[in-house]
N, C-alpha and C. Protein backbone atom coordinates (compact mmCIF):
# COMPACT_ATOMS: atom_id res chain seq x y z
N MET A 1 57.71 174.60 -181.67
CA MET A 1 58.28 173.24 -181.90
C MET A 1 57.83 172.81 -183.30
N VAL A 2 58.74 172.29 -184.07
CA VAL A 2 58.34 171.73 -185.30
C VAL A 2 58.54 170.20 -185.34
N CYS A 3 57.57 169.52 -185.70
CA CYS A 3 57.58 168.08 -185.70
C CYS A 3 57.66 167.65 -187.10
N VAL A 4 58.66 166.87 -187.46
CA VAL A 4 58.77 166.55 -188.91
C VAL A 4 58.50 164.95 -188.99
N PHE A 5 57.61 164.65 -189.89
CA PHE A 5 57.12 163.13 -190.04
C PHE A 5 57.64 162.85 -191.55
N GLU A 6 58.83 162.41 -191.80
CA GLU A 6 59.35 162.13 -193.12
C GLU A 6 58.83 160.72 -193.57
N ASP A 7 58.32 160.81 -194.82
CA ASP A 7 57.78 159.56 -195.38
C ASP A 7 56.73 159.02 -194.39
N ILE A 8 55.81 159.90 -194.20
CA ILE A 8 54.73 159.41 -193.12
C ILE A 8 54.05 158.25 -193.71
N ASP A 9 53.90 158.04 -194.80
CA ASP A 9 53.16 156.63 -195.43
C ASP A 9 53.80 155.55 -194.96
N ALA A 10 55.09 155.59 -195.07
CA ALA A 10 55.96 154.43 -194.68
C ALA A 10 55.94 154.13 -193.10
N THR A 11 55.97 155.32 -192.35
CA THR A 11 55.86 155.18 -190.82
C THR A 11 54.56 154.48 -190.42
N ILE A 12 53.39 154.91 -191.19
CA ILE A 12 52.10 154.40 -190.62
C ILE A 12 51.93 152.95 -191.19
N GLU A 13 52.57 152.57 -192.37
CA GLU A 13 52.58 151.22 -192.65
C GLU A 13 53.37 150.41 -191.76
N LYS A 14 54.47 150.84 -191.32
CA LYS A 14 55.21 150.00 -190.35
C LYS A 14 54.77 149.87 -188.94
N TYR A 15 54.29 151.11 -188.32
CA TYR A 15 53.90 151.14 -186.93
C TYR A 15 52.31 151.32 -186.76
N GLY A 16 51.69 151.54 -187.74
CA GLY A 16 50.30 151.86 -187.70
C GLY A 16 49.90 153.16 -187.34
N ASP A 17 48.71 153.60 -187.39
CA ASP A 17 48.44 154.99 -187.35
C ASP A 17 47.93 155.54 -185.98
N GLY A 18 47.82 154.61 -184.94
CA GLY A 18 47.59 154.78 -183.64
C GLY A 18 48.41 155.75 -182.95
N GLU A 19 49.70 155.57 -182.98
CA GLU A 19 50.69 156.42 -182.29
C GLU A 19 50.80 157.77 -182.94
N LEU A 20 50.51 157.78 -184.14
CA LEU A 20 50.59 159.16 -184.92
C LEU A 20 49.51 159.91 -184.44
N LEU A 21 48.15 159.32 -184.47
CA LEU A 21 46.96 159.91 -184.13
C LEU A 21 47.17 160.51 -182.60
N GLN A 22 47.71 159.45 -181.70
CA GLN A 22 47.90 159.97 -180.28
C GLN A 22 48.72 161.25 -180.35
N TRP A 23 49.81 161.36 -181.15
CA TRP A 23 50.63 162.50 -181.10
C TRP A 23 49.94 163.73 -181.67
N LEU A 24 49.10 163.58 -182.67
CA LEU A 24 48.47 164.73 -183.27
C LEU A 24 47.31 165.22 -182.37
N ASP A 25 46.50 164.31 -181.79
CA ASP A 25 45.20 164.58 -181.14
C ASP A 25 45.16 164.21 -179.65
N GLY A 26 45.93 163.32 -179.26
CA GLY A 26 45.69 162.58 -177.81
C GLY A 26 46.53 163.17 -176.93
N ASN A 27 46.94 162.35 -175.96
CA ASN A 27 47.71 162.71 -174.63
C ASN A 27 49.01 163.26 -175.06
N CYS A 28 49.56 162.99 -176.21
CA CYS A 28 50.88 163.42 -176.61
C CYS A 28 50.95 164.81 -177.34
N GLN A 29 49.63 165.31 -177.45
CA GLN A 29 49.43 166.56 -178.27
C GLN A 29 50.30 167.52 -177.64
N VAL A 30 50.96 168.42 -178.44
CA VAL A 30 51.83 169.60 -178.00
C VAL A 30 51.23 170.90 -178.42
N ASP A 31 51.10 171.92 -177.49
CA ASP A 31 50.48 173.10 -177.89
C ASP A 31 51.66 173.99 -178.71
N ASN A 32 51.15 174.76 -179.57
CA ASN A 32 52.03 175.66 -180.43
C ASN A 32 53.05 174.94 -181.18
N ALA A 33 52.61 173.63 -181.67
CA ALA A 33 53.56 172.83 -182.51
C ALA A 33 53.10 172.97 -183.86
N VAL A 34 54.11 172.90 -184.82
CA VAL A 34 53.99 172.68 -186.22
C VAL A 34 54.20 171.40 -186.75
N ASN A 35 53.22 170.72 -187.33
CA ASN A 35 53.38 169.35 -187.81
C ASN A 35 53.77 169.43 -189.22
N LEU A 36 54.74 168.85 -189.65
CA LEU A 36 55.14 168.89 -191.21
C LEU A 36 55.38 167.35 -191.50
N ALA A 37 54.69 167.00 -192.48
CA ALA A 37 54.88 165.63 -193.07
C ALA A 37 55.15 165.56 -194.44
N SER A 38 55.98 164.50 -194.81
CA SER A 38 56.17 164.40 -196.25
C SER A 38 55.75 162.98 -196.68
N THR A 39 55.57 162.86 -198.07
CA THR A 39 55.23 161.53 -198.46
C THR A 39 55.34 161.59 -200.12
N ASN A 40 55.85 160.48 -200.65
CA ASN A 40 55.82 160.37 -202.19
C ASN A 40 54.38 159.86 -202.66
N TYR A 41 53.73 159.37 -201.74
CA TYR A 41 52.43 158.63 -202.00
C TYR A 41 51.19 159.17 -201.26
N PRO A 42 50.76 160.46 -201.48
CA PRO A 42 49.72 161.07 -200.74
C PRO A 42 48.37 160.21 -200.93
N GLU A 43 48.26 159.47 -201.97
CA GLU A 43 46.89 158.72 -202.23
C GLU A 43 47.03 157.59 -201.09
N LYS A 44 48.06 157.08 -200.55
CA LYS A 44 48.00 156.04 -199.54
C LYS A 44 47.53 156.45 -198.17
N LEU A 45 47.47 157.79 -198.02
CA LEU A 45 47.22 158.27 -196.58
C LEU A 45 45.65 158.23 -196.44
N ASP A 46 45.28 157.70 -195.39
CA ASP A 46 43.79 157.62 -195.01
C ASP A 46 43.31 159.16 -194.72
N PRO A 47 42.24 159.57 -195.32
CA PRO A 47 41.78 160.73 -195.30
C PRO A 47 41.49 161.28 -193.82
N ARG A 48 41.29 160.51 -192.92
CA ARG A 48 41.01 160.77 -191.45
C ARG A 48 42.38 161.33 -190.80
N ILE A 49 43.48 161.16 -191.44
CA ILE A 49 44.74 161.50 -190.93
C ILE A 49 45.01 163.02 -191.42
N VAL A 50 44.51 163.31 -192.59
CA VAL A 50 44.85 164.66 -193.16
C VAL A 50 43.65 165.51 -193.26
N ALA A 51 42.50 165.10 -192.85
CA ALA A 51 41.14 165.79 -193.00
C ALA A 51 40.98 166.85 -192.11
N LEU A 52 41.36 166.66 -190.84
CA LEU A 52 41.10 167.66 -189.71
C LEU A 52 42.11 168.67 -189.85
N PRO A 53 41.55 169.98 -190.02
CA PRO A 53 42.43 171.05 -190.17
C PRO A 53 43.59 171.43 -189.12
N ARG A 54 43.33 170.81 -187.83
CA ARG A 54 44.28 171.10 -186.82
C ARG A 54 45.36 170.15 -186.89
N ARG A 55 45.15 168.98 -187.71
CA ARG A 55 46.43 168.07 -187.86
C ARG A 55 47.34 168.56 -188.83
N PHE A 56 46.88 168.98 -190.05
CA PHE A 56 47.64 169.57 -191.23
C PHE A 56 46.79 170.46 -191.89
N ASP A 57 47.17 171.79 -191.76
CA ASP A 57 46.28 172.80 -192.33
C ASP A 57 46.46 172.95 -193.84
N ARG A 58 47.61 172.63 -194.32
CA ARG A 58 47.74 172.74 -195.89
C ARG A 58 48.36 171.46 -196.38
N VAL A 59 47.80 170.91 -197.55
CA VAL A 59 48.30 169.88 -198.32
C VAL A 59 48.82 170.44 -199.56
N LEU A 60 50.10 170.17 -199.86
CA LEU A 60 50.84 170.77 -201.05
C LEU A 60 51.05 169.67 -202.02
């Protein structure tokens, strides 16, 4: 499964990061899923969202 989070910074700004963190780490976590996120403003992202390798392994 590939999960695409387009403009992740805007999504977090609008809905908060709780739902995203639940999806990535919590009860909603899916095994064998690839998480792909895009943003034009990587500096806006809280390091705790991208710091854990199992959330996003590569930052380009």
